[in-house]
């Protein structure tokens, strides 16, 4: 999946979240028992595991890219290494965003619409994390030392 499709998917999901939060907030609010029980410490656990495992894989991918650069005698994979680095930092920001959402959710007094929007944002963070996973997996599988 390329970057443009990922960005369009995220923007579309945010638009859907806003529309649902305004038109039918009960879908994403705490009236949805799953989201009520998930957008708390469970979300942090989920994102924490995803980030931890993915950062380990990204670090290994980065090390392999460095080894291939050394074999080639020049920085052949500088753009790919930058992408891996950016993806890794974006996952850390996703974790930080999850922490912020989980902390502010109990403080929100705006009704179902506001809670639905926060729950929708947490689903957006999960979608974003999955897209980063796809990106890093694609980079790892496209890594060919013979090219």
Protein backbone atom coordinates (compact mmCIF):
# COMPACT_ATOMS: atom_id res chain seq x y z
CA UNK A 1 0.00 0.00 0.00
CA UNK A 2 1.52 3.32 -0.95
CA UNK A 3 1.64 6.48 1.10
CA UNK A 4 -1.08 8.30 -0.86
CA UNK A 5 -3.59 5.50 -0.29
CA UNK A 6 -2.70 5.40 3.41
CA UNK A 7 -3.19 9.16 3.80
CA UNK A 8 -6.52 9.02 1.93
CA UNK A 9 -7.64 6.13 4.12
CA UNK A 10 -6.79 8.01 7.34
CA UNK A 11 -8.49 11.22 6.13
CA UNK A 12 -11.58 9.24 5.05
CA UNK A 13 -11.76 7.46 8.39
CA UNK A 14 -11.49 10.76 10.29
CA UNK A 15 -14.30 12.19 8.14
CA UNK A 16 -16.46 9.12 8.85
CA UNK A 17 -15.68 9.45 12.57
CA UNK A 18 -16.76 13.10 12.57
CA UNK A 19 -19.98 12.33 10.69
CA UNK A 20 -20.84 9.41 12.98
CA UNK A 21 -20.04 11.51 16.07
CA UNK A 22 -22.50 14.17 14.92
CA UNK A 23 -25.24 12.12 13.27
CA UNK A 24 -25.30 8.84 15.23
CA UNK A 25 -22.91 9.12 18.20
CA UNK A 26 -24.23 5.97 19.87
CA UNK A 27 -22.27 3.89 17.34
CA UNK A 28 -18.91 5.09 18.68
CA UNK A 29 -19.86 6.37 22.14
CA UNK A 30 -19.66 4.43 25.38
CA UNK A 31 -23.08 2.97 24.60
CA UNK A 32 -21.01 0.62 22.45
CA UNK A 33 -19.87 -1.79 25.17
CA UNK A 34 -16.77 -2.87 23.28
CA UNK A 35 -15.46 0.68 22.89
CA UNK A 36 -16.38 1.51 26.49
CA UNK A 37 -14.25 -1.39 27.68
CA UNK A 38 -11.46 -0.92 25.12
CA UNK A 39 -10.64 2.79 25.10
CA UNK A 40 -8.91 2.72 28.46
CA UNK A 41 -5.91 0.76 29.72
CA UNK A 42 -6.76 -1.94 27.16
CA UNK A 43 -6.00 0.47 24.30
CA UNK A 44 -2.68 1.34 25.91
CA UNK A 45 -1.83 -2.34 26.27
CA UNK A 46 -2.70 -3.04 22.65
CA UNK A 47 -0.79 -0.08 21.23
CA UNK A 48 2.10 -0.76 23.61
CA UNK A 49 2.48 -4.32 22.33
CA UNK A 50 2.20 -3.22 18.69
CA UNK A 51 4.79 -0.47 19.19
CA UNK A 52 7.20 -2.69 21.13
CA UNK A 53 7.16 -5.52 18.62
CA UNK A 54 7.25 -3.21 15.63
CA UNK A 55 10.13 -1.11 16.95
CA UNK A 56 12.16 -4.28 17.45
CA UNK A 57 11.49 -5.32 13.88
CA UNK A 58 12.21 -1.82 12.57
CA UNK A 59 15.52 -1.77 14.43
CA UNK A 60 16.51 -5.10 12.87
CA UNK A 61 15.48 -3.84 9.44
CA UNK A 62 17.55 -0.69 9.96
CA UNK A 63 20.59 -2.75 11.00
CA UNK A 64 20.25 -4.94 7.91
CA UNK A 65 20.01 -1.86 5.71
CA UNK A 66 23.20 -0.55 7.29
CA UNK A 67 24.93 -3.87 6.57
CA UNK A 68 23.82 -3.75 2.94
CA UNK A 69 25.05 -0.17 2.66
CA UNK A 70 28.42 -1.28 4.03
CA UNK A 71 28.61 -4.11 1.49
CA UNK A 72 27.79 -1.72 -1.33
CA UNK A 73 30.34 0.79 -0.11
CA UNK A 74 27.87 3.64 -0.40
CA UNK A 75 24.56 4.75 1.08
CA UNK A 76 22.20 2.95 -1.30
CA UNK A 77 19.34 2.63 1.19
CA UNK A 78 19.36 6.12 2.72
CA UNK A 79 15.77 6.85 1.65
CA UNK A 80 14.53 3.49 2.96
CA UNK A 81 16.35 4.01 6.26
CA UNK A 82 14.73 7.43 6.62
CA UNK A 83 11.33 5.87 6.00
CA UNK A 84 11.97 3.19 8.63
CA UNK A 85 13.11 5.86 11.08
CA UNK A 86 10.06 8.04 10.38
CA UNK A 87 7.73 5.07 10.77
CA UNK A 88 9.32 4.16 14.09
CA UNK A 89 8.94 7.67 15.47
CA UNK A 90 5.36 7.88 14.22
CA UNK A 91 4.52 4.74 16.20
CA UNK A 92 5.97 6.35 19.31
CA UNK A 93 3.73 9.37 18.66
CA UNK A 94 0.78 7.02 18.25
CA UNK A 95 1.53 5.58 21.69
CA UNK A 96 1.77 9.07 23.19
CA UNK A 97 -1.51 10.04 21.50
CA UNK A 98 -3.16 6.93 22.95
CA UNK A 99 -2.01 7.89 26.42
CA UNK A 100 -3.42 11.40 25.99
CA UNK A 101 -6.77 10.06 24.75
CA UNK A 102 -7.09 7.57 27.59
CA UNK A 103 -6.28 10.27 30.15
CA UNK A 104 -8.65 12.91 28.76
CA UNK A 105 -11.58 10.61 27.97
CA UNK A 106 -12.90 10.48 31.58
CA UNK A 107 -12.60 14.27 31.80
CA UNK A 108 -14.85 14.94 28.78
CA UNK A 109 -18.30 16.24 29.66
CA UNK A 110 -19.57 16.97 26.12
CA UNK A 111 -22.00 14.09 25.89
CA UNK A 112 -22.12 11.12 23.56
CA UNK A 113 -20.82 13.06 20.54
CA UNK A 114 -17.59 14.07 22.26
CA UNK A 115 -17.00 10.58 23.63
CA UNK A 116 -17.77 9.12 20.20
CA UNK A 117 -15.17 11.43 18.66
CA UNK A 118 -12.52 10.37 21.21
CA UNK A 119 -13.34 6.71 20.64
CA UNK A 120 -13.15 7.31 16.88
CA UNK A 121 -9.74 8.93 17.30
CA UNK A 122 -8.52 5.90 19.20
CA UNK A 123 -9.68 3.69 16.34
CA UNK A 124 -7.83 6.07 14.01
CA UNK A 125 -4.64 5.50 16.00
CA UNK A 126 -5.10 1.75 15.62
CA UNK A 127 -5.69 2.14 11.87
CA UNK A 128 -2.60 4.33 11.62
CA UNK A 129 -0.52 1.76 13.51
CA UNK A 130 -1.70 -1.03 11.21
CA UNK A 131 -0.79 1.06 8.16
CA UNK A 132 2.70 1.63 9.59
CA UNK A 133 2.99 -2.12 10.19
CA UNK A 134 2.04 -2.75 6.57
CA UNK A 135 4.61 -0.19 5.42
CA UNK A 136 7.43 -1.70 7.46
CA UNK A 137 6.49 -5.25 6.47
CA UNK A 138 6.47 -4.26 2.82
CA UNK A 139 9.89 -2.64 3.21
CA UNK A 140 11.29 -5.76 4.85
CA UNK A 141 9.90 -8.09 2.19
CA UNK A 142 11.09 -5.85 -0.64
CA UNK A 143 14.61 -5.85 0.75
CA UNK A 144 16.71 -7.62 -1.85
CA UNK A 145 20.48 -7.61 -1.35
CA UNK A 146 21.05 -8.50 -4.99
CA UNK A 147 19.54 -5.32 -6.42
